[in-house]
N, C-alpha and C. Protein backbone atom coordinates (compact mmCIF):
# COMPACT_ATOMS: atom_id res chain seq x y z
N MET A 1 -15.78 -1.86 2.61
CA MET A 1 -15.94 -0.92 3.70
C MET A 1 -14.90 -1.16 4.80
N LEU A 2 -14.49 -2.41 4.94
CA LEU A 2 -13.49 -2.73 5.94
C LEU A 2 -12.16 -2.04 5.63
N LEU A 3 -11.79 -2.02 4.34
CA LEU A 3 -10.58 -1.34 3.92
C LEU A 3 -10.66 0.15 4.24
N GLY A 4 -11.82 0.74 4.02
CA GLY A 4 -12.02 2.15 4.35
C GLY A 4 -11.87 2.41 5.83
N ALA A 5 -12.43 1.54 6.65
CA ALA A 5 -12.33 1.69 8.11
C ALA A 5 -10.88 1.56 8.57
N PHE A 6 -10.14 0.59 7.99
CA PHE A 6 -8.73 0.42 8.37
C PHE A 6 -7.90 1.63 7.96
N ASN A 7 -8.15 2.17 6.77
CA ASN A 7 -7.42 3.37 6.34
C ASN A 7 -7.72 4.54 7.25
N LEU A 8 -8.98 4.71 7.61
CA LEU A 8 -9.39 5.80 8.49
C LEU A 8 -8.70 5.64 9.85
N LEU A 9 -8.71 4.45 10.41
CA LEU A 9 -8.07 4.19 11.70
C LEU A 9 -6.56 4.44 11.62
N PHE A 10 -5.93 3.94 10.55
CA PHE A 10 -4.49 4.15 10.36
C PHE A 10 -4.18 5.65 10.31
N GLY A 11 -4.99 6.41 9.58
CA GLY A 11 -4.76 7.85 9.47
C GLY A 11 -4.88 8.57 10.80
N VAL A 12 -5.89 8.23 11.56
CA VAL A 12 -6.09 8.87 12.87
C VAL A 12 -4.94 8.51 13.82
N LEU A 13 -4.57 7.23 13.87
CA LEU A 13 -3.47 6.81 14.74
C LEU A 13 -2.15 7.46 14.32
N THR A 14 -1.95 7.65 13.02
CA THR A 14 -0.73 8.30 12.54
C THR A 14 -0.69 9.76 12.97
N LEU A 15 -1.84 10.43 12.97
CA LEU A 15 -1.89 11.82 13.44
C LEU A 15 -1.59 11.90 14.94
N ILE A 16 -2.09 10.93 15.68
CA ILE A 16 -1.91 10.94 17.13
C ILE A 16 -0.47 10.58 17.51
N TRP A 17 0.10 9.55 16.88
CA TRP A 17 1.43 9.04 17.22
C TRP A 17 2.33 8.94 15.99
N PRO A 18 2.75 10.05 15.39
CA PRO A 18 3.55 9.95 14.16
C PRO A 18 4.91 9.28 14.36
N GLY A 19 5.60 9.56 15.45
CA GLY A 19 6.91 8.97 15.68
C GLY A 19 6.83 7.47 15.87
N ILE A 20 5.86 7.03 16.65
CA ILE A 20 5.66 5.61 16.88
C ILE A 20 5.28 4.92 15.58
N THR A 21 4.42 5.57 14.80
CA THR A 21 3.99 5.00 13.52
C THR A 21 5.18 4.75 12.60
N LEU A 22 6.07 5.72 12.52
CA LEU A 22 7.24 5.59 11.65
C LEU A 22 8.14 4.43 12.12
N THR A 23 8.38 4.37 13.40
CA THR A 23 9.21 3.29 13.94
C THR A 23 8.58 1.92 13.68
N ILE A 24 7.28 1.83 13.92
CA ILE A 24 6.57 0.55 13.70
C ILE A 24 6.61 0.16 12.23
N LEU A 25 6.42 1.12 11.32
CA LEU A 25 6.47 0.82 9.89
C LEU A 25 7.83 0.26 9.49
N ILE A 26 8.89 0.85 10.00
CA ILE A 26 10.24 0.38 9.66
C ILE A 26 10.46 -1.02 10.22
N TRP A 27 10.07 -1.26 11.45
CA TRP A 27 10.25 -2.58 12.05
C TRP A 27 9.42 -3.64 11.35
N LEU A 28 8.17 -3.31 11.01
CA LEU A 28 7.32 -4.27 10.30
C LEU A 28 7.92 -4.61 8.94
N PHE A 29 8.41 -3.60 8.26
CA PHE A 29 9.05 -3.84 6.96
C PHE A 29 10.27 -4.73 7.12
N ALA A 30 11.13 -4.41 8.09
CA ALA A 30 12.36 -5.19 8.31
C ALA A 30 12.03 -6.64 8.65
N ILE A 31 11.10 -6.84 9.56
CA ILE A 31 10.73 -8.20 9.97
C ILE A 31 10.14 -8.97 8.80
N THR A 32 9.27 -8.33 8.03
CA THR A 32 8.66 -8.98 6.88
C THR A 32 9.72 -9.41 5.87
N MET A 33 10.65 -8.54 5.57
CA MET A 33 11.70 -8.86 4.61
C MET A 33 12.61 -9.98 5.12
N LEU A 34 12.96 -9.95 6.39
CA LEU A 34 13.82 -10.99 6.94
C LEU A 34 13.13 -12.35 6.96
N VAL A 35 11.89 -12.38 7.41
CA VAL A 35 11.15 -13.65 7.44
C VAL A 35 10.97 -14.19 6.03
N GLN A 36 10.57 -13.32 5.12
CA GLN A 36 10.39 -13.74 3.73
C GLN A 36 11.71 -14.22 3.13
N GLY A 37 12.80 -13.51 3.41
CA GLY A 37 14.11 -13.90 2.88
C GLY A 37 14.56 -15.24 3.42
N PHE A 38 14.41 -15.45 4.73
CA PHE A 38 14.78 -16.75 5.32
C PHE A 38 13.92 -17.88 4.76
N TYR A 39 12.64 -17.62 4.64
CA TYR A 39 11.74 -18.64 4.09
C TYR A 39 12.15 -19.00 2.66
N LEU A 40 12.42 -18.00 1.83
CA LEU A 40 12.85 -18.26 0.46
C LEU A 40 14.17 -19.02 0.42
N LEU A 41 15.10 -18.63 1.26
CA LEU A 41 16.40 -19.29 1.28
C LEU A 41 16.27 -20.75 1.69
N ILE A 42 15.57 -21.02 2.78
CA ILE A 42 15.40 -22.40 3.24
C ILE A 42 14.62 -23.22 2.22
N SER A 43 13.58 -22.64 1.69
CA SER A 43 12.76 -23.32 0.69
C SER A 43 13.56 -23.63 -0.57
N THR A 44 14.40 -22.69 -0.99
CA THR A 44 15.21 -22.90 -2.19
C THR A 44 16.28 -23.96 -1.95
N ILE A 45 16.91 -23.92 -0.78
CA ILE A 45 17.90 -24.95 -0.46
C ILE A 45 17.24 -26.32 -0.46
N LYS A 46 16.06 -26.40 0.13
CA LYS A 46 15.34 -27.67 0.23
C LYS A 46 14.94 -28.21 -1.14
N HIS A 47 14.57 -27.32 -2.05
CA HIS A 47 14.04 -27.75 -3.35
C HIS A 47 14.95 -27.39 -4.52
N SER A 48 16.21 -27.07 -4.27
CA SER A 48 17.08 -26.59 -5.35
C SER A 48 17.30 -27.63 -6.44
N LEU A 49 17.26 -28.91 -6.10
CA LEU A 49 17.44 -29.94 -7.12
C LEU A 49 16.24 -30.02 -8.06
N GLU A 50 15.08 -29.64 -7.57
CA GLU A 50 13.85 -29.69 -8.36
C GLU A 50 13.67 -28.44 -9.23
N LEU A 51 14.32 -27.36 -8.86
CA LEU A 51 14.15 -26.10 -9.56
C LEU A 51 15.17 -25.95 -10.67
N ASN A 52 14.70 -25.59 -11.84
CA ASN A 52 15.61 -25.37 -12.97
C ASN A 52 16.45 -24.11 -12.79
N ASP A 53 15.80 -23.05 -12.37
CA ASP A 53 16.48 -21.77 -12.21
C ASP A 53 16.52 -21.36 -10.74
N SER A 54 17.13 -22.19 -9.92
CA SER A 54 17.15 -21.91 -8.48
C SER A 54 17.93 -20.64 -8.16
N TRP A 55 18.83 -20.22 -9.05
CA TRP A 55 19.61 -19.02 -8.80
C TRP A 55 18.70 -17.80 -8.63
N MET A 56 17.54 -17.78 -9.34
CA MET A 56 16.62 -16.65 -9.22
C MET A 56 16.03 -16.59 -7.81
N PHE A 57 15.75 -17.76 -7.24
CA PHE A 57 15.20 -17.80 -5.90
C PHE A 57 16.24 -17.43 -4.85
N TYR A 58 17.50 -17.84 -5.09
CA TYR A 58 18.59 -17.42 -4.21
C TYR A 58 18.77 -15.90 -4.27
N LEU A 59 18.67 -15.36 -5.47
CA LEU A 59 18.79 -13.91 -5.64
C LEU A 59 17.66 -13.18 -4.91
N LEU A 60 16.44 -13.66 -5.08
CA LEU A 60 15.29 -13.04 -4.41
C LEU A 60 15.42 -13.14 -2.89
N ALA A 61 15.88 -14.28 -2.40
CA ALA A 61 16.10 -14.44 -0.96
C ALA A 61 17.15 -13.45 -0.47
N SER A 62 18.21 -13.29 -1.24
CA SER A 62 19.28 -12.36 -0.87
C SER A 62 18.78 -10.91 -0.85
N ILE A 63 17.97 -10.55 -1.83
CA ILE A 63 17.41 -9.20 -1.88
C ILE A 63 16.53 -8.94 -0.67
N ASN A 64 15.67 -9.91 -0.34
CA ASN A 64 14.80 -9.75 0.82
C ASN A 64 15.60 -9.65 2.11
N LEU A 65 16.59 -10.53 2.28
CA LEU A 65 17.43 -10.48 3.49
C LEU A 65 18.21 -9.17 3.55
N GLY A 66 18.73 -8.74 2.42
CA GLY A 66 19.45 -7.47 2.38
C GLY A 66 18.57 -6.29 2.73
N ALA A 67 17.35 -6.28 2.21
CA ALA A 67 16.42 -5.19 2.52
C ALA A 67 16.09 -5.19 4.01
N GLY A 68 15.90 -6.36 4.59
CA GLY A 68 15.60 -6.44 6.02
C GLY A 68 16.75 -5.95 6.87
N ILE A 69 17.97 -6.32 6.51
CA ILE A 69 19.15 -5.89 7.26
C ILE A 69 19.36 -4.39 7.13
N VAL A 70 19.21 -3.86 5.92
CA VAL A 70 19.33 -2.41 5.71
C VAL A 70 18.29 -1.66 6.54
N ALA A 71 17.06 -2.17 6.56
CA ALA A 71 16.00 -1.53 7.33
C ALA A 71 16.32 -1.50 8.82
N LEU A 72 16.95 -2.57 9.31
CA LEU A 72 17.30 -2.61 10.74
C LEU A 72 18.45 -1.67 11.09
N PHE A 73 19.49 -1.65 10.24
CA PHE A 73 20.69 -0.90 10.58
C PHE A 73 20.74 0.52 9.99
N TYR A 74 19.94 0.77 8.96
CA TYR A 74 19.91 2.10 8.33
C TYR A 74 18.46 2.55 8.15
N PRO A 75 17.77 2.83 9.24
CA PRO A 75 16.35 3.18 9.13
C PRO A 75 16.09 4.47 8.34
N ASP A 76 17.05 5.41 8.35
CA ASP A 76 16.84 6.66 7.61
C ASP A 76 16.72 6.41 6.11
N ILE A 77 17.61 5.58 5.57
CA ILE A 77 17.56 5.23 4.15
C ILE A 77 16.27 4.48 3.85
N THR A 78 15.91 3.59 4.76
CA THR A 78 14.69 2.80 4.58
C THR A 78 13.48 3.70 4.52
N VAL A 79 13.42 4.70 5.39
CA VAL A 79 12.29 5.63 5.40
C VAL A 79 12.19 6.34 4.06
N TYR A 80 13.30 6.82 3.56
CA TYR A 80 13.30 7.53 2.28
C TYR A 80 12.81 6.63 1.15
N LEU A 81 13.32 5.39 1.09
CA LEU A 81 12.89 4.46 0.04
C LEU A 81 11.43 4.07 0.19
N LEU A 82 10.97 3.88 1.42
CA LEU A 82 9.56 3.55 1.63
C LEU A 82 8.65 4.71 1.23
N ILE A 83 9.11 5.93 1.46
CA ILE A 83 8.33 7.10 1.06
C ILE A 83 8.18 7.13 -0.46
N ILE A 84 9.25 6.87 -1.18
CA ILE A 84 9.19 6.85 -2.65
C ILE A 84 8.27 5.72 -3.11
N LEU A 85 8.41 4.54 -2.51
CA LEU A 85 7.55 3.41 -2.87
C LEU A 85 6.09 3.73 -2.58
N MET A 86 5.82 4.37 -1.45
CA MET A 86 4.46 4.75 -1.10
C MET A 86 3.90 5.75 -2.12
N GLY A 87 4.70 6.73 -2.50
CA GLY A 87 4.24 7.69 -3.49
C GLY A 87 3.92 7.04 -4.82
N LEU A 88 4.77 6.12 -5.26
CA LEU A 88 4.52 5.41 -6.52
C LEU A 88 3.27 4.54 -6.42
N THR A 89 3.09 3.89 -5.28
CA THR A 89 1.91 3.05 -5.08
C THR A 89 0.64 3.88 -5.10
N TRP A 90 0.64 5.01 -4.42
CA TRP A 90 -0.55 5.88 -4.41
C TRP A 90 -0.84 6.42 -5.80
N LEU A 91 0.19 6.79 -6.52
CA LEU A 91 0.01 7.29 -7.88
C LEU A 91 -0.63 6.22 -8.76
N ALA A 92 -0.09 5.01 -8.72
CA ALA A 92 -0.63 3.91 -9.53
C ALA A 92 -2.06 3.56 -9.10
N THR A 93 -2.30 3.55 -7.79
CA THR A 93 -3.65 3.26 -7.29
C THR A 93 -4.64 4.30 -7.78
N GLY A 94 -4.26 5.56 -7.70
CA GLY A 94 -5.14 6.63 -8.15
C GLY A 94 -5.47 6.54 -9.62
N ILE A 95 -4.47 6.29 -10.43
CA ILE A 95 -4.69 6.16 -11.87
C ILE A 95 -5.63 4.99 -12.16
N SER A 96 -5.40 3.86 -11.49
CA SER A 96 -6.25 2.69 -11.75
C SER A 96 -7.68 2.92 -11.27
N GLN A 97 -7.87 3.65 -10.17
CA GLN A 97 -9.22 3.94 -9.70
C GLN A 97 -9.97 4.88 -10.63
N ILE A 98 -9.27 5.85 -11.17
CA ILE A 98 -9.91 6.77 -12.12
C ILE A 98 -10.29 6.02 -13.38
N ILE A 99 -9.41 5.17 -13.88
CA ILE A 99 -9.72 4.36 -15.06
C ILE A 99 -10.92 3.46 -14.77
N ALA A 100 -10.91 2.81 -13.59
CA ALA A 100 -12.03 1.93 -13.22
C ALA A 100 -13.33 2.71 -13.15
N ALA A 101 -13.30 3.90 -12.59
CA ALA A 101 -14.52 4.72 -12.49
C ALA A 101 -15.05 5.07 -13.89
N LEU A 102 -14.14 5.40 -14.80
CA LEU A 102 -14.56 5.72 -16.16
C LEU A 102 -15.14 4.49 -16.87
N GLN A 103 -14.52 3.34 -16.66
CA GLN A 103 -14.99 2.11 -17.31
C GLN A 103 -16.29 1.60 -16.69
N LEU A 104 -16.50 1.86 -15.42
CA LEU A 104 -17.68 1.33 -14.73
C LEU A 104 -18.85 2.32 -14.66
N ARG A 105 -18.71 3.48 -15.28
CA ARG A 105 -19.74 4.51 -15.14
C ARG A 105 -21.10 4.07 -15.66
N LYS A 106 -21.14 3.14 -16.59
CA LYS A 106 -22.43 2.64 -17.09
C LYS A 106 -22.91 1.43 -16.28
N GLU A 107 -22.02 0.84 -15.50
CA GLU A 107 -22.33 -0.37 -14.75
C GLU A 107 -22.79 -0.08 -13.32
N ILE A 108 -22.25 0.97 -12.71
CA ILE A 108 -22.56 1.26 -11.31
C ILE A 108 -23.02 2.70 -11.15
N ARG A 109 -23.62 2.95 -10.02
CA ARG A 109 -23.99 4.33 -9.67
C ARG A 109 -22.95 4.87 -8.70
N ASN A 110 -22.86 6.17 -8.60
CA ASN A 110 -21.95 6.83 -7.66
C ASN A 110 -20.48 6.53 -7.95
N GLU A 111 -20.15 6.32 -9.21
CA GLU A 111 -18.77 6.06 -9.57
C GLU A 111 -17.88 7.28 -9.35
N GLY A 112 -18.52 8.43 -9.17
CA GLY A 112 -17.78 9.66 -8.90
C GLY A 112 -16.95 9.56 -7.62
N TRP A 113 -17.45 8.81 -6.64
CA TRP A 113 -16.69 8.61 -5.40
C TRP A 113 -15.42 7.82 -5.66
N LEU A 114 -15.51 6.85 -6.54
CA LEU A 114 -14.32 6.08 -6.90
C LEU A 114 -13.32 6.98 -7.62
N ALA A 115 -13.81 7.81 -8.53
CA ALA A 115 -12.93 8.73 -9.25
C ALA A 115 -12.32 9.76 -8.29
N LEU A 116 -13.12 10.27 -7.35
CA LEU A 116 -12.61 11.24 -6.39
C LEU A 116 -11.55 10.62 -5.49
N THR A 117 -11.79 9.40 -5.04
CA THR A 117 -10.80 8.68 -4.24
C THR A 117 -9.52 8.47 -5.06
N GLY A 118 -9.68 8.15 -6.34
CA GLY A 118 -8.53 8.00 -7.22
C GLY A 118 -7.76 9.30 -7.38
N LEU A 119 -8.48 10.40 -7.49
CA LEU A 119 -7.83 11.71 -7.63
C LEU A 119 -7.04 12.05 -6.36
N VAL A 120 -7.63 11.77 -5.19
CA VAL A 120 -6.92 12.00 -3.92
C VAL A 120 -5.66 11.15 -3.87
N SER A 121 -5.76 9.88 -4.27
CA SER A 121 -4.59 8.98 -4.28
C SER A 121 -3.52 9.51 -5.23
N MET A 122 -3.94 9.90 -6.42
CA MET A 122 -2.99 10.35 -7.43
C MET A 122 -2.29 11.64 -6.98
N LEU A 123 -3.04 12.61 -6.50
CA LEU A 123 -2.44 13.87 -6.05
C LEU A 123 -1.54 13.67 -4.84
N SER A 124 -1.94 12.79 -3.92
CA SER A 124 -1.10 12.51 -2.76
C SER A 124 0.19 11.83 -3.18
N GLY A 125 0.10 10.89 -4.12
CA GLY A 125 1.29 10.21 -4.62
C GLY A 125 2.25 11.18 -5.28
N LEU A 126 1.72 12.06 -6.12
CA LEU A 126 2.57 13.06 -6.77
C LEU A 126 3.22 13.98 -5.74
N SER A 127 2.46 14.39 -4.75
CA SER A 127 2.99 15.27 -3.71
C SER A 127 4.13 14.60 -2.94
N VAL A 128 3.95 13.33 -2.59
CA VAL A 128 5.00 12.59 -1.88
C VAL A 128 6.23 12.46 -2.76
N LEU A 129 6.06 12.16 -4.03
CA LEU A 129 7.21 12.00 -4.92
C LEU A 129 7.95 13.32 -5.14
N ILE A 130 7.21 14.39 -5.26
CA ILE A 130 7.83 15.70 -5.47
C ILE A 130 8.56 16.16 -4.20
N ASN A 131 7.99 15.86 -3.03
CA ASN A 131 8.56 16.31 -1.76
C ASN A 131 9.19 15.17 -0.97
N SER A 132 9.75 14.17 -1.64
CA SER A 132 10.27 12.99 -0.94
C SER A 132 11.44 13.32 -0.03
N GLY A 133 12.10 14.43 -0.25
CA GLY A 133 13.22 14.82 0.61
C GLY A 133 12.79 15.53 1.87
N ALA A 134 11.50 15.84 1.99
CA ALA A 134 11.00 16.52 3.18
C ALA A 134 11.13 15.59 4.38
N GLY A 135 11.01 16.15 5.55
CA GLY A 135 11.13 15.36 6.77
C GLY A 135 10.10 14.24 6.83
N ALA A 136 10.51 13.12 7.39
CA ALA A 136 9.64 11.96 7.47
C ALA A 136 8.39 12.25 8.30
N LEU A 137 8.54 12.99 9.37
CA LEU A 137 7.36 13.28 10.20
C LEU A 137 6.38 14.18 9.47
N ALA A 138 6.90 15.12 8.67
CA ALA A 138 6.00 15.96 7.88
C ALA A 138 5.23 15.12 6.87
N LEU A 139 5.93 14.17 6.26
CA LEU A 139 5.26 13.29 5.31
C LEU A 139 4.28 12.35 6.01
N LEU A 140 4.54 12.01 7.26
CA LEU A 140 3.57 11.20 8.00
C LEU A 140 2.24 11.93 8.15
N TRP A 141 2.31 13.25 8.31
CA TRP A 141 1.06 14.02 8.37
C TRP A 141 0.29 13.89 7.06
N LEU A 142 1.02 13.99 5.95
CA LEU A 142 0.38 13.82 4.63
C LEU A 142 -0.17 12.40 4.49
N ILE A 143 0.60 11.42 4.94
CA ILE A 143 0.14 10.03 4.89
C ILE A 143 -1.13 9.88 5.70
N ALA A 144 -1.16 10.48 6.88
CA ALA A 144 -2.34 10.38 7.75
C ALA A 144 -3.55 11.03 7.10
N ILE A 145 -3.37 12.22 6.53
CA ILE A 145 -4.49 12.91 5.88
C ILE A 145 -4.97 12.11 4.68
N TYR A 146 -4.02 11.58 3.90
CA TYR A 146 -4.40 10.74 2.76
C TYR A 146 -5.20 9.53 3.23
N ALA A 147 -4.70 8.83 4.24
CA ALA A 147 -5.37 7.62 4.72
C ALA A 147 -6.77 7.94 5.22
N ILE A 148 -6.94 9.08 5.89
CA ILE A 148 -8.26 9.48 6.38
C ILE A 148 -9.19 9.77 5.20
N LEU A 149 -8.73 10.58 4.25
CA LEU A 149 -9.57 10.91 3.08
C LEU A 149 -9.88 9.68 2.24
N PHE A 150 -8.87 8.83 2.04
CA PHE A 150 -9.05 7.60 1.28
C PHE A 150 -10.03 6.69 2.01
N GLY A 151 -9.88 6.56 3.32
CA GLY A 151 -10.78 5.74 4.12
C GLY A 151 -12.21 6.23 4.07
N VAL A 152 -12.39 7.54 4.22
CA VAL A 152 -13.74 8.13 4.15
C VAL A 152 -14.32 7.90 2.76
N GLY A 153 -13.51 8.11 1.72
CA GLY A 153 -13.99 7.88 0.35
C GLY A 153 -14.43 6.44 0.13
N LEU A 154 -13.65 5.50 0.63
CA LEU A 154 -14.02 4.08 0.49
C LEU A 154 -15.25 3.74 1.30
N LEU A 155 -15.40 4.35 2.49
CA LEU A 155 -16.59 4.10 3.29
C LEU A 155 -17.84 4.64 2.58
N ILE A 156 -17.74 5.84 2.04
CA ILE A 156 -18.87 6.42 1.31
C ILE A 156 -19.21 5.56 0.10
N LEU A 157 -18.18 5.15 -0.64
CA LEU A 157 -18.39 4.29 -1.80
C LEU A 157 -19.04 2.98 -1.36
N GLY A 158 -18.60 2.43 -0.25
CA GLY A 158 -19.17 1.19 0.27
C GLY A 158 -20.63 1.33 0.62
N PHE A 159 -20.99 2.44 1.27
CA PHE A 159 -22.38 2.66 1.62
C PHE A 159 -23.23 2.89 0.38
N LYS A 160 -22.68 3.57 -0.62
CA LYS A 160 -23.41 3.84 -1.85
C LYS A 160 -23.58 2.58 -2.69
N ALA A 161 -22.66 1.65 -2.56
CA ALA A 161 -22.67 0.45 -3.40
C ALA A 161 -23.25 -0.75 -2.65
N LYS A 162 -24.21 -0.51 -1.78
CA LYS A 162 -24.81 -1.60 -0.99
C LYS A 162 -25.47 -2.65 -1.85
N LYS A 163 -25.82 -2.31 -3.07
CA LYS A 163 -26.51 -3.27 -3.93
C LYS A 163 -25.56 -4.21 -4.64
N TRP A 164 -24.26 -4.05 -4.40
CA TRP A 164 -23.32 -4.97 -4.99
C TRP A 164 -23.31 -6.25 -4.17
N ILE A 165 -23.10 -7.35 -4.83
CA ILE A 165 -22.92 -8.62 -4.13
C ILE A 165 -21.59 -9.20 -4.55
N ILE A 166 -21.02 -10.05 -3.73
CA ILE A 166 -19.73 -10.66 -4.06
C ILE A 166 -19.99 -12.10 -4.50
N PHE A 167 -19.49 -12.43 -5.69
CA PHE A 167 -19.66 -13.76 -6.23
C PHE A 167 -18.35 -14.18 -6.86
N ASP A 168 -17.68 -15.15 -6.28
CA ASP A 168 -16.39 -15.63 -6.79
C ASP A 168 -15.39 -14.49 -6.99
N ASP A 169 -15.26 -13.64 -5.98
CA ASP A 169 -14.32 -12.53 -5.97
C ASP A 169 -14.60 -11.48 -7.04
N LEU A 170 -15.78 -11.48 -7.61
CA LEU A 170 -16.15 -10.46 -8.59
C LEU A 170 -17.32 -9.65 -8.03
N ALA A 171 -17.25 -8.35 -8.18
CA ALA A 171 -18.36 -7.51 -7.75
C ALA A 171 -19.38 -7.48 -8.88
N ILE A 172 -20.61 -7.88 -8.58
CA ILE A 172 -21.65 -7.93 -9.59
C ILE A 172 -22.80 -7.05 -9.13
N TRP A 173 -23.33 -6.27 -10.02
CA TRP A 173 -24.44 -5.39 -9.69
C TRP A 173 -25.71 -6.20 -9.53
N ALA A 174 -26.35 -6.07 -8.38
CA ALA A 174 -27.59 -6.80 -8.11
C ALA A 174 -28.75 -6.03 -8.72
N GLU A 175 -29.49 -6.68 -9.54
CA GLU A 175 -30.65 -6.06 -10.20
C GLU A 175 -31.87 -6.13 -9.30
């Protein structure tokens, strides 16, 4: 339910402040990539004698640092690539949720909400991928609507699945 609430909040804030949301997303991405790249680089230098294939870690550090630098100096390109990545992520999430709903239909009740949330994810992902060249602010509206619908779907699913308990990171149906 917490994930649903965060998605709902993200969607509403994106509708209210789309320009700020886009700028913050780019900066968060850039900072994350730079910190991760520096950490990998320092860690690899420190442990390069212990690592058999340290070149892979140097490569990964370089990719992360490069992505962070590109995001800082070329935010337009970064926005376009993030939009494609977001579309692919939503598409994959939707497909996996629909599969999970089909597989869990005998195990849980109200699996239709999971399937519906998956359908919303899948259709939103396809829409973003098909229209990836559209303006970033226009796509932010779609992102906001998706996040709101996804959040509401997860909240409804959470309320319907109150009989689930968490045991060692596995959801188990409480009899």
